[in-house]
Amino acid sequence: MEIPEIDTACFHCQQCAEKYVKAFLVEHDVGFPRYHDLVRLLGLCLTVDESFEKIRDNLRRLENYGVIIRYPGLTVPLEMAYEAFENAGQAREFVRKKLKIK
């Protein structure tokens, strides 16, 4: 059974991580092209702080959720949605600490 809200939730998990990574780049005056590739954005973060390597796997796992929602017929199983939520949360927590946000 397809539940559209699951796909949307996963998309927002990807967006959460993307916005936090971009906020870090903005905070450190690092310009970035208009793309949504989390691993490429991570590469820019690594030029400022090598500890961002710790969230590489989290970002890599979220990468495709920015695309899945845009194409009919592609769906996300509920188990993967839980994983997306966990990965987004870990990336969010990591970047918030770097930005000194409580």
PDB file of N, CA and C in Angstrom:
ATOM      1  N   MET A   1       0.845  -1.188   0.000  1.00  0.00           N
ATOM      2  CA  MET A   1       0.000   0.000   0.000  1.00  0.00           C
ATOM      3  C   MET A   1       0.885   1.244   0.000  1.00  0.00           C
ATOM      4  N   GLU A   2       0.582   2.151  -0.889  1.00  0.00           N
ATOM      5  CA  GLU A   2       1.354   3.386  -1.006  1.00  0.00           C
ATOM      6  C   GLU A   2       0.763   4.457  -0.093  1.00  0.00           C
ATOM      7  N   ILE A   3       1.605   5.068   0.716  1.00  0.00           N
ATOM      8  CA  ILE A   3       1.177   6.147   1.599  1.00  0.00           C
ATOM      9  C   ILE A   3       1.977   7.384   1.208  1.00  0.00           C
ATOM     10  N   PRO A   4       1.361   8.324   0.472  1.00  0.00           N
ATOM     11  CA  PRO A   4       2.103   9.491  -0.028  1.00  0.00           C
ATOM     12  C   PRO A   4       2.788  10.297   1.069  1.00  0.00           C
ATOM     13  N   GLU A   5       2.216  10.323   2.239  1.00  0.00           N
ATOM     14  CA  GLU A   5       2.800  11.110   3.321  1.00  0.00           C
ATOM     15  C   GLU A   5       4.181  10.601   3.720  1.00  0.00           C
ATOM     16  N   ILE A   6       4.425   9.315   3.552  1.00  0.00           N
ATOM     17  CA  ILE A   6       5.740   8.764   3.880  1.00  0.00           C
ATOM     18  C   ILE A   6       6.787   9.334   2.934  1.00  0.00           C
ATOM     19  N   ASP A   7       6.465   9.371   1.644  1.00  0.00           N
ATOM     20  CA  ASP A   7       7.393   9.947   0.668  1.00  0.00           C
ATOM     21  C   ASP A   7       7.668  11.410   0.997  1.00  0.00           C
ATOM     22  N   THR A   8       6.616  12.132   1.338  1.00  0.00           N
ATOM     23  CA  THR A   8       6.756  13.552   1.670  1.00  0.00           C
ATOM     24  C   THR A   8       7.602  13.732   2.930  1.00  0.00           C
ATOM     25  N   ALA A   9       7.387  12.892   3.918  1.00  0.00           N
ATOM     26  CA  ALA A   9       8.177  12.975   5.151  1.00  0.00           C
ATOM     27  C   ALA A   9       9.659  12.742   4.855  1.00  0.00           C
ATOM     28  N   CYS A  10       9.955  11.787   4.000  1.00  0.00           N
ATOM     29  CA  CYS A  10      11.356  11.512   3.640  1.00  0.00           C
ATOM     30  C   CYS A  10      11.960  12.681   2.878  1.00  0.00           C
ATOM     31  N   PHE A  11      11.179  13.294   2.011  1.00  0.00           N
ATOM     32  CA  PHE A  11      11.642  14.480   1.291  1.00  0.00           C
ATOM     33  C   PHE A  11      12.016  15.574   2.290  1.00  0.00           C
ATOM     34  N   HIS A  12      11.178  15.768   3.291  1.00  0.00           N
ATOM     35  CA  HIS A  12      11.453  16.808   4.282  1.00  0.00           C
ATOM     36  C   HIS A  12      12.653  16.456   5.163  1.00  0.00           C
ATOM     37  N   CYS A  13      12.910  15.186   5.375  1.00  0.00           N
ATOM     38  CA  CYS A  13      14.133  14.784   6.089  1.00  0.00           C
ATOM     39  C   CYS A  13      15.358  15.198   5.285  1.00  0.00           C
ATOM     40  N   GLN A  14      15.322  14.966   3.975  1.00  0.00           N
ATOM     41  CA  GLN A  14      16.431  15.375   3.110  1.00  0.00           C
ATOM     42  C   GLN A  14      16.585  16.886   3.143  1.00  0.00           C
ATOM     43  N   GLN A  15      15.460  17.591   3.071  1.00  0.00           N
ATOM     44  CA  GLN A  15      15.488  19.050   3.076  1.00  0.00           C
ATOM     45  C   GLN A  15      16.040  19.596   4.389  1.00  0.00           C
ATOM     46  N   CYS A  16      15.691  18.969   5.491  1.00  0.00           N
ATOM     47  CA  CYS A  16      16.199  19.384   6.805  1.00  0.00           C
ATOM     48  C   CYS A  16      17.723  19.338   6.814  1.00  0.00           C
ATOM     49  N   ALA A  17      18.267  18.209   6.405  1.00  0.00           N
ATOM     50  CA  ALA A  17      19.727  18.070   6.385  1.00  0.00           C
ATOM     51  C   ALA A  17      20.351  19.076   5.428  1.00  0.00           C
ATOM     52  N   GLU A  18      19.756  19.231   4.264  1.00  0.00           N
ATOM     53  CA  GLU A  18      20.298  20.170   3.268  1.00  0.00           C
ATOM     54  C   GLU A  18      20.334  21.594   3.805  1.00  0.00           C
ATOM     55  N   LYS A  19      19.262  22.028   4.434  1.00  0.00           N
ATOM     56  CA  LYS A  19      19.205  23.406   4.937  1.00  0.00           C
ATOM     57  C   LYS A  19      20.217  23.630   6.053  1.00  0.00           C
ATOM     58  N   TYR A  20      20.405  22.645   6.926  1.00  0.00           N
ATOM     59  CA  TYR A  20      21.397  22.805   7.988  1.00  0.00           C
ATOM     60  C   TYR A  20      22.812  22.859   7.427  1.00  0.00           C
ATOM     61  N   VAL A  21      23.107  21.997   6.467  1.00  0.00           N
ATOM     62  CA  VAL A  21      24.438  22.012   5.851  1.00  0.00           C
ATOM     63  C   VAL A  21      24.676  23.354   5.163  1.00  0.00           C
ATOM     64  N   LYS A  22      23.678  23.844   4.460  1.00  0.00           N
ATOM     65  CA  LYS A  22      23.819  25.138   3.782  1.00  0.00           C
ATOM     66  C   LYS A  22      23.943  26.281   4.790  1.00  0.00           C
ATOM     67  N   ALA A  23      23.256  26.174   5.914  1.00  0.00           N
ATOM     68  CA  ALA A  23      23.384  27.204   6.957  1.00  0.00           C
ATOM     69  C   ALA A  23      24.818  27.249   7.471  1.00  0.00           C
ATOM     70  N   PHE A  24      25.418  26.093   7.644  1.00  0.00           N
ATOM     71  CA  PHE A  24      26.818  26.048   8.083  1.00  0.00           C
ATOM     72  C   PHE A  24      27.713  26.733   7.056  1.00  0.00           C
ATOM     73  N   LEU A  25      27.481  26.450   5.787  1.00  0.00           N
ATOM     74  CA  LEU A  25      28.293  27.057   4.729  1.00  0.00           C
ATOM     75  C   LEU A  25      28.114  28.574   4.702  1.00  0.00           C
ATOM     76  N   VAL A  26      26.886  29.034   4.855  1.00  0.00           N
ATOM     77  CA  VAL A  26      26.621  30.477   4.884  1.00  0.00           C
ATOM     78  C   VAL A  26      27.323  31.112   6.080  1.00  0.00           C
ATOM     79  N   GLU A  27      27.213  30.470   7.232  1.00  0.00           N
ATOM     80  CA  GLU A  27      27.842  30.987   8.455  1.00  0.00           C
ATOM     81  C   GLU A  27      29.356  31.141   8.293  1.00  0.00           C
ATOM     82  N   HIS A  28      29.943  30.302   7.464  1.00  0.00           N
ATOM     83  CA  HIS A  28      31.397  30.333   7.264  1.00  0.00           C
ATOM     84  C   HIS A  28      31.788  30.970   5.931  1.00  0.00           C
ATOM     85  N   ASP A  29      30.858  31.714   5.361  1.00  0.00           N
ATOM     86  CA  ASP A  29      31.120  32.453   4.117  1.00  0.00           C
ATOM     87  C   ASP A  29      31.655  31.573   2.990  1.00  0.00           C
ATOM     88  N   VAL A  30      31.134  30.369   2.907  1.00  0.00           N
ATOM     89  CA  VAL A  30      31.508  29.457   1.827  1.00  0.00           C
ATOM     90  C   VAL A  30      30.384  29.472   0.795  1.00  0.00           C
ATOM     91  N   GLY A  31      30.695  29.938  -0.386  1.00  0.00           N
ATOM     92  CA  GLY A  31      29.693  29.952  -1.444  1.00  0.00           C
ATOM     93  C   GLY A  31      29.435  28.546  -1.956  1.00  0.00           C
ATOM     94  N   PHE A  32      28.245  28.334  -2.458  1.00  0.00           N
ATOM     95  CA  PHE A  32      27.908  27.018  -3.009  1.00  0.00           C
ATOM     96  C   PHE A  32      26.950  27.202  -4.177  1.00  0.00           C
ATOM     97  N   PRO A  33      27.087  26.348  -5.185  1.00  0.00           N
ATOM     98  CA  PRO A  33      26.174  26.398  -6.331  1.00  0.00           C
ATOM     99  C   PRO A  33      24.766  25.981  -5.912  1.00  0.00           C
ATOM    100  N   ARG A  34      23.823  26.260  -6.760  1.00  0.00           N
ATOM    101  CA  ARG A  34      22.432  25.881  -6.474  1.00  0.00           C
ATOM    102  C   ARG A  34      22.193  24.432  -6.870  1.00  0.00           C
ATOM    103  N   TYR A  35      22.610  23.547  -6.002  1.00  0.00           N
ATOM    104  CA  TYR A  35      22.307  22.138  -6.193  1.00  0.00           C
ATOM    105  C   TYR A  35      21.935  21.543  -4.849  1.00  0.00           C
ATOM    106  N   HIS A  36      21.421  20.332  -4.907  1.00  0.00           N
ATOM    107  CA  HIS A  36      20.872  19.705  -3.708  1.00  0.00           C
ATOM    108  C   HIS A  36      21.624  18.430  -3.336  1.00  0.00           C
ATOM    109  N   ASP A  37      22.783  18.240  -3.917  1.00  0.00           N
ATOM    110  CA  ASP A  37      23.595  17.052  -3.697  1.00  0.00           C
ATOM    111  C   ASP A  37      24.262  17.157  -2.319  1.00  0.00           C
ATOM    112  N   LEU A  38      23.749  16.397  -1.371  1.00  0.00           N
ATOM    113  CA  LEU A  38      24.238  16.493   0.010  1.00  0.00           C
ATOM    114  C   LEU A  38      25.706  16.116   0.145  1.00  0.00           C
ATOM    115  N   VAL A  39      26.157  15.145  -0.611  1.00  0.00           N
ATOM    116  CA  VAL A  39      27.554  14.724  -0.498  1.00  0.00           C
ATOM    117  C   VAL A  39      28.478  15.795  -1.081  1.00  0.00           C
ATOM    118  N   ARG A  40      28.070  16.443  -2.146  1.00  0.00           N
ATOM    119  CA  ARG A  40      28.874  17.547  -2.692  1.00  0.00           C
ATOM    120  C   ARG A  40      28.908  18.717  -1.710  1.00  0.00           C
ATOM    121  N   LEU A  41      27.772  19.011  -1.093  1.00  0.00           N
ATOM    122  CA  LEU A  41      27.735  20.077  -0.089  1.00  0.00           C
ATOM    123  C   LEU A  41      28.618  19.705   1.106  1.00  0.00           C
ATOM    124  N   LEU A  42      28.596  18.436   1.462  1.00  0.00           N
ATOM    125  CA  LEU A  42      29.465  17.958   2.537  1.00  0.00           C
ATOM    126  C   LEU A  42      30.928  18.245   2.209  1.00  0.00           C
ATOM    127  N   GLY A  43      31.306  18.032   0.962  1.00  0.00           N
ATOM    128  CA  GLY A  43      32.681  18.314   0.549  1.00  0.00           C
ATOM    129  C   GLY A  43      33.081  19.749   0.833  1.00  0.00           C
ATOM    130  N   LEU A  44      32.152  20.672   0.644  1.00  0.00           N
ATOM    131  CA  LEU A  44      32.432  22.078   0.952  1.00  0.00           C
ATOM    132  C   LEU A  44      32.572  22.287   2.456  1.00  0.00           C
ATOM    133  N   CYS A  45      31.727  21.617   3.235  1.00  0.00           N
ATOM    134  CA  CYS A  45      31.826  21.721   4.699  1.00  0.00           C
ATOM    135  C   CYS A  45      33.170  21.195   5.192  1.00  0.00           C
ATOM    136  N   LEU A  46      33.649  20.147   4.561  1.00  0.00           N
ATOM    137  CA  LEU A  46      34.919  19.545   4.971  1.00  0.00           C
ATOM    138  C   LEU A  46      36.096  20.488   4.769  1.00  0.00           C
ATOM    139  N   THR A  47      35.961  21.455   3.879  1.00  0.00           N
ATOM    140  CA  THR A  47      37.045  22.426   3.692  1.00  0.00           C
ATOM    141  C   THR A  47      37.157  23.362   4.889  1.00  0.00           C
ATOM    142  N   VAL A  48      36.087  23.435   5.672  1.00  0.00           N
ATOM    143  CA  VAL A  48      36.064  24.291   6.862  1.00  0.00           C
ATOM    144  C   VAL A  48      36.314  23.470   8.126  1.00  0.00           C
ATOM    145  N   ASP A  49      35.708  22.282   8.180  1.00  0.00           N
ATOM    146  CA  ASP A  49      35.742  21.480   9.399  1.00  0.00           C
ATOM    147  C   ASP A  49      35.735  19.998   9.020  1.00  0.00           C
ATOM    148  N   GLU A  50      36.857  19.349   9.212  1.00  0.00           N
ATOM    149  CA  GLU A  50      36.993  17.942   8.818  1.00  0.00           C
ATOM    150  C   GLU A  50      36.110  16.993   9.623  1.00  0.00           C
ATOM    151  N   SER A  51      35.613  17.440  10.759  1.00  0.00           N
ATOM    152  CA  SER A  51      34.771  16.556  11.568  1.00  0.00           C
ATOM    153  C   SER A  51      33.415  16.290  10.911  1.00  0.00           C
ATOM    154  N   PHE A  52      33.087  17.038   9.869  1.00  0.00           N
ATOM    155  CA  PHE A  52      31.849  16.775   9.136  1.00  0.00           C
ATOM    156  C   PHE A  52      31.850  15.385   8.508  1.00  0.00           C
ATOM    157  N   GLU A  53      33.009  14.785   8.434  1.00  0.00           N
ATOM    158  CA  GLU A  53      33.105  13.410   7.921  1.00  0.00           C
ATOM    159  C   GLU A  53      32.195  12.480   8.726  1.00  0.00           C
ATOM    160  N   LYS A  54      31.951  12.826   9.988  1.00  0.00           N
ATOM    161  CA  LYS A  54      31.118  12.004  10.872  1.00  0.00           C
ATOM    162  C   LYS A  54      29.688  11.845  10.368  1.00  0.00           C
ATOM    163  N   ILE A  55      29.202  12.796   9.564  1.00  0.00           N
ATOM    164  CA  ILE A  55      27.815  12.687   9.097  1.00  0.00           C
ATOM    165  C   ILE A  55      27.729  12.311   7.613  1.00  0.00           C
ATOM    166  N   ARG A  56      28.835  11.901   7.030  1.00  0.00           N
ATOM    167  CA  ARG A  56      28.821  11.511   5.616  1.00  0.00           C
ATOM    168  C   ARG A  56      27.768  10.430   5.343  1.00  0.00           C
ATOM    169  N   ASP A  57      27.765   9.369   6.145  1.00  0.00           N
ATOM    170  CA  ASP A  57      26.810   8.284   5.912  1.00  0.00           C
ATOM    171  C   ASP A  57      25.372   8.764   6.072  1.00  0.00           C
ATOM    172  N   ASN A  58      25.123   9.622   7.062  1.00  0.00           N
ATOM    173  CA  ASN A  58      23.770  10.158   7.244  1.00  0.00           C
ATOM    174  C   ASN A  58      23.316  10.898   5.992  1.00  0.00           C
ATOM    175  N   LEU A  59      24.178  11.761   5.483  1.00  0.00           N
ATOM    176  CA  LEU A  59      23.821  12.557   4.308  1.00  0.00           C
ATOM    177  C   LEU A  59      23.685  11.683   3.068  1.00  0.00           C
ATOM    178  N   ARG A  60      24.559  10.717   2.926  1.00  0.00           N
ATOM    179  CA  ARG A  60      24.495   9.820   1.775  1.00  0.00           C
ATOM    180  C   ARG A  60      23.171   9.051   1.765  1.00  0.00           C
ATOM    181  N   ARG A  61      22.716   8.625   2.931  1.00  0.00           N
ATOM    182  CA  ARG A  61      21.459   7.871   3.016  1.00  0.00           C
ATOM    183  C   ARG A  61      20.238   8.737   2.704  1.00  0.00           C
ATOM    184  N   LEU A  62      20.361  10.039   2.911  1.00  0.00           N
ATOM    185  CA  LEU A  62      19.240  10.953   2.657  1.00  0.00           C
ATOM    186  C   LEU A  62      19.207  11.465   1.222  1.00  0.00           C
ATOM    187  N   GLU A  63      20.294  11.304   0.522  1.00  0.00           N
ATOM    188  CA  GLU A  63      20.501  11.900  -0.791  1.00  0.00           C
ATOM    189  C   GLU A  63      19.320  11.735  -1.761  1.00  0.00           C
ATOM    190  N   ASN A  64      18.830  10.531  -1.926  1.00  0.00           N
ATOM    191  CA  ASN A  64      17.810  10.276  -2.951  1.00  0.00           C
ATOM    192  C   ASN A  64      16.408  10.745  -2.588  1.00  0.00           C
ATOM    193  N   TYR A  65      16.178  11.060  -1.340  1.00  0.00           N
ATOM    194  CA  TYR A  65      14.830  11.464  -0.946  1.00  0.00           C
ATOM    195  C   TYR A  65      14.428  12.815  -1.528  1.00  0.00           C
ATOM    196  N   GLY A  66      15.375  13.590  -1.981  1.00  0.00           N
ATOM    197  CA  GLY A  66      15.050  14.845  -2.657  1.00  0.00           C
ATOM    198  C   GLY A  66      14.528  14.618  -4.058  1.00  0.00           C
ATOM    199  N   VAL A  67      14.697  13.400  -4.568  1.00  0.00           N
ATOM    200  CA  VAL A  67      14.301  13.075  -5.936  1.00  0.00           C
ATOM    201  C   VAL A  67      13.081  12.159  -5.973  1.00  0.00           C
ATOM    202  N   ILE A  68      13.018  11.204  -5.067  1.00  0.00           N
ATOM    203  CA  ILE A  68      11.971  10.178  -5.100  1.00  0.00           C
ATOM    204  C   ILE A  68      10.575  10.773  -5.183  1.00  0.00           C
ATOM    205  N   ILE A  69      10.311  11.803  -4.414  1.00  0.00           N
ATOM    206  CA  ILE A  69       8.969  12.377  -4.359  1.00  0.00           C
ATOM    207  C   ILE A  69       8.553  13.004  -5.692  1.00  0.00           C
ATOM    208  N   ARG A  70       9.497  13.318  -6.532  1.00  0.00           N
ATOM    209  CA  ARG A  70       9.204  14.013  -7.789  1.00  0.00           C
ATOM    210  C   ARG A  70       8.783  13.084  -8.919  1.00  0.00           C
ATOM    211  N   TYR A  71       8.954  11.799  -8.743  1.00  0.00           N
ATOM    212  CA  TYR A  71       8.665  10.854  -9.824  1.00  0.00           C
ATOM    213  C   TYR A  71       7.575   9.879  -9.409  1.00  0.00           C
ATOM    214  N   PRO A  72       6.518   9.794 -10.209  1.00  0.00           N
ATOM    215  CA  PRO A  72       5.441   8.851  -9.892  1.00  0.00           C
ATOM    216  C   PRO A  72       5.952   7.412  -9.961  1.00  0.00           C
ATOM    217  N   GLY A  73       5.408   6.594  -9.107  1.00  0.00           N
ATOM    218  CA  GLY A  73       5.779   5.190  -9.111  1.00  0.00           C
ATOM    219  C   GLY A  73       6.915   4.844  -8.165  1.00  0.00           C
ATOM    220  N   LEU A  74       7.650   5.842  -7.706  1.00  0.00           N
ATOM    221  CA  LEU A  74       8.713   5.590  -6.735  1.00  0.00           C
ATOM    222  C   LEU A  74       8.157   5.866  -5.347  1.00  0.00           C
ATOM    223  N   THR A  75       8.260   4.886  -4.483  1.00  0.00           N
ATOM    224  CA  THR A  75       7.737   5.057  -3.128  1.00  0.00           C
ATOM    225  C   THR A  75       8.785   4.609  -2.107  1.00  0.00           C
ATOM    226  N   VAL A  76       8.555   5.006  -0.894  1.00  0.00           N
ATOM    227  CA  VAL A  76       9.477   4.697   0.198  1.00  0.00           C
ATOM    228  C   VAL A  76       8.758   3.807   1.207  1.00  0.00           C
ATOM    229  N   PRO A  77       9.333   2.650   1.540  1.00  0.00           N
ATOM    230  CA  PRO A  77       8.738   1.807   2.579  1.00  0.00           C
ATOM    231  C   PRO A  77       8.820   2.498   3.942  1.00  0.00           C
ATOM    232  N   LEU A  78       7.893   2.174   4.797  1.00  0.00           N
ATOM    233  CA  LEU A  78       7.822   2.781   6.124  1.00  0.00           C
ATOM    234  C   LEU A  78       9.136   2.622   6.893  1.00  0.00           C
ATOM    235  N   GLU A  79       9.774   1.458   6.794  1.00  0.00           N
ATOM    236  CA  GLU A  79      11.028   1.226   7.518  1.00  0.00           C
ATOM    237  C   GLU A  79      12.100   2.230   7.096  1.00  0.00           C
ATOM    238  N   MET A  80      12.135   2.549   5.805  1.00  0.00           N
ATOM    239  CA  MET A  80      13.124   3.508   5.307  1.00  0.00           C
ATOM    240  C   MET A  80      12.798   4.922   5.778  1.00  0.00           C
ATOM    241  N   ALA A  81      11.526   5.194   5.991  1.00  0.00           N
ATOM    242  CA  ALA A  81      11.134   6.511   6.500  1.00  0.00           C
ATOM    243  C   ALA A  81      11.668   6.706   7.916  1.00  0.00           C
ATOM    244  N   TYR A  82      11.590   5.665   8.721  1.00  0.00           N
ATOM    245  CA  TYR A  82      12.150   5.747  10.071  1.00  0.00           C
ATOM    246  C   TYR A  82      13.651   6.004  10.004  1.00  0.00           C
ATOM    247  N   GLU A  83      14.326   5.328   9.080  1.00  0.00           N
ATOM    248  CA  GLU A  83      15.766   5.517   8.907  1.00  0.00           C
ATOM    249  C   GLU A  83      16.070   6.947   8.447  1.00  0.00           C
ATOM    250  N   ALA A  84      15.257   7.467   7.537  1.00  0.00           N
ATOM    251  CA  ALA A  84      15.462   8.842   7.049  1.00  0.00           C
ATOM    252  C   ALA A  84      15.319   9.835   8.199  1.00  0.00           C
ATOM    253  N   PHE A  85      14.317   9.621   9.034  1.00  0.00           N
ATOM    254  CA  PHE A  85      14.093  10.504  10.177  1.00  0.00           C
ATOM    255  C   PHE A  85      15.295  10.477  11.120  1.00  0.00           C
ATOM    256  N   GLU A  86      15.823   9.295  11.367  1.00  0.00           N
ATOM    257  CA  GLU A  86      16.985   9.142  12.253  1.00  0.00           C
ATOM    258  C   GLU A  86      18.220   9.821  11.652  1.00  0.00           C
ATOM    259  N   ASN A  87      18.448   9.614  10.367  1.00  0.00           N
ATOM    260  CA  ASN A  87      19.608  10.229   9.711  1.00  0.00           C
ATOM    261  C   ASN A  87      19.504  11.746   9.684  1.00  0.00           C
ATOM    262  N   ALA A  88      18.333  12.257   9.412  1.00  0.00           N
ATOM    263  CA  ALA A  88      18.143  13.713   9.406  1.00  0.00           C
ATOM    264  C   ALA A  88      18.364  14.276  10.806  1.00  0.00           C
ATOM    265  N   GLY A  89      17.857  13.576  11.805  1.00  0.00           N
ATOM    266  CA  GLY A  89      18.027  14.031  13.184  1.00  0.00           C
ATOM    267  C   GLY A  89      19.487  14.073  13.604  1.00  0.00           C
ATOM    268  N   GLN A  90      20.247  13.068  13.216  1.00  0.00           N
ATOM    269  CA  GLN A  90      21.665  13.045  13.568  1.00  0.00           C
ATOM    270  C   GLN A  90      22.429  14.156  12.859  1.00  0.00           C
ATOM    271  N   ALA A  91      22.126  14.371  11.579  1.00  0.00           N
ATOM    272  CA  ALA A  91      22.785  15.455  10.837  1.00  0.00           C
ATOM    273  C   ALA A  91      22.408  16.800  11.443  1.00  0.00           C
ATOM    274  N   ARG A  92      21.132  16.961  11.759  1.00  0.00           N
ATOM    275  CA  ARG A  92      20.642  18.213  12.360  1.00  0.00           C
ATOM    276  C   ARG A  92      21.356  18.496  13.676  1.00  0.00           C
ATOM    277  N   GLU A  93      21.408  17.502  14.538  1.00  0.00           N
ATOM    278  CA  GLU A  93      22.046  17.672  15.847  1.00  0.00           C
ATOM    279  C   GLU A  93      23.526  18.040  15.689  1.00  0.00           C
ATOM    280  N   PHE A  94      24.215  17.379  14.780  1.00  0.00           N
ATOM    281  CA  PHE A  94      25.635  17.642  14.555  1.00  0.00           C
ATOM    282  C   PHE A  94      25.854  19.085  14.108  1.00  0.00           C
ATOM    283  N   VAL A  95      25.098  19.517  13.104  1.00  0.00           N
ATOM    284  CA  VAL A  95      25.301  20.868  12.566  1.00  0.00           C
ATOM    285  C   VAL A  95      24.872  21.927  13.576  1.00  0.00           C
ATOM    286  N   ARG A  96      23.796  21.681  14.296  1.00  0.00           N
ATOM    287  CA  ARG A  96      23.366  22.648  15.311  1.00  0.00           C
ATOM    288  C   ARG A  96      24.462  22.875  16.351  1.00  0.00           C
ATOM    289  N   LYS A  97      25.150  21.827  16.743  1.00  0.00           N
ATOM    290  CA  LYS A  97      26.265  21.987  17.686  1.00  0.00           C
ATOM    291  C   LYS A  97      27.369  22.830  17.065  1.00  0.00           C
ATOM    292  N   LYS A  98      27.652  22.596  15.791  1.00  0.00           N
ATOM    293  CA  LYS A  98      28.691  23.369  15.101  1.00  0.00           C
ATOM    294  C   LYS A  98      28.309  24.842  15.005  1.00  0.00           C
ATOM    295  N   LEU A  99      27.010  25.103  14.867  1.00  0.00           N
ATOM    296  CA  LEU A  99      26.523  26.482  14.767  1.00  0.00           C
ATOM    297  C   LEU A  99      26.227  27.085  16.139  1.00  0.00           C
ATOM    298  N   LYS A 100      26.443  26.286  17.182  1.00  0.00           N
ATOM    299  CA  LYS A 100      26.179  26.711  18.560  1.00  0.00           C
ATOM    300  C   LYS A 100      24.716  27.119  18.763  1.00  0.00           C
ATOM    301  N   ILE A 101      23.840  26.291  18.208  1.00  0.00           N
ATOM    302  CA  ILE A 101      22.397  26.478  18.376  1.00  0.00           C
ATOM    303  C   ILE A 101      21.927  25.433  19.377  1.00  0.00           C
ATOM    304  N   LYS A 102      21.193  25.871  20.379  1.00  0.00           N
ATOM    305  CA  LYS A 102      20.690  24.935  21.392  1.00  0.00           C
ATOM    306  C   LYS A 102      19.474  24.206  20.898  1.00  0.00           C
TER     307      LYS A 102
END
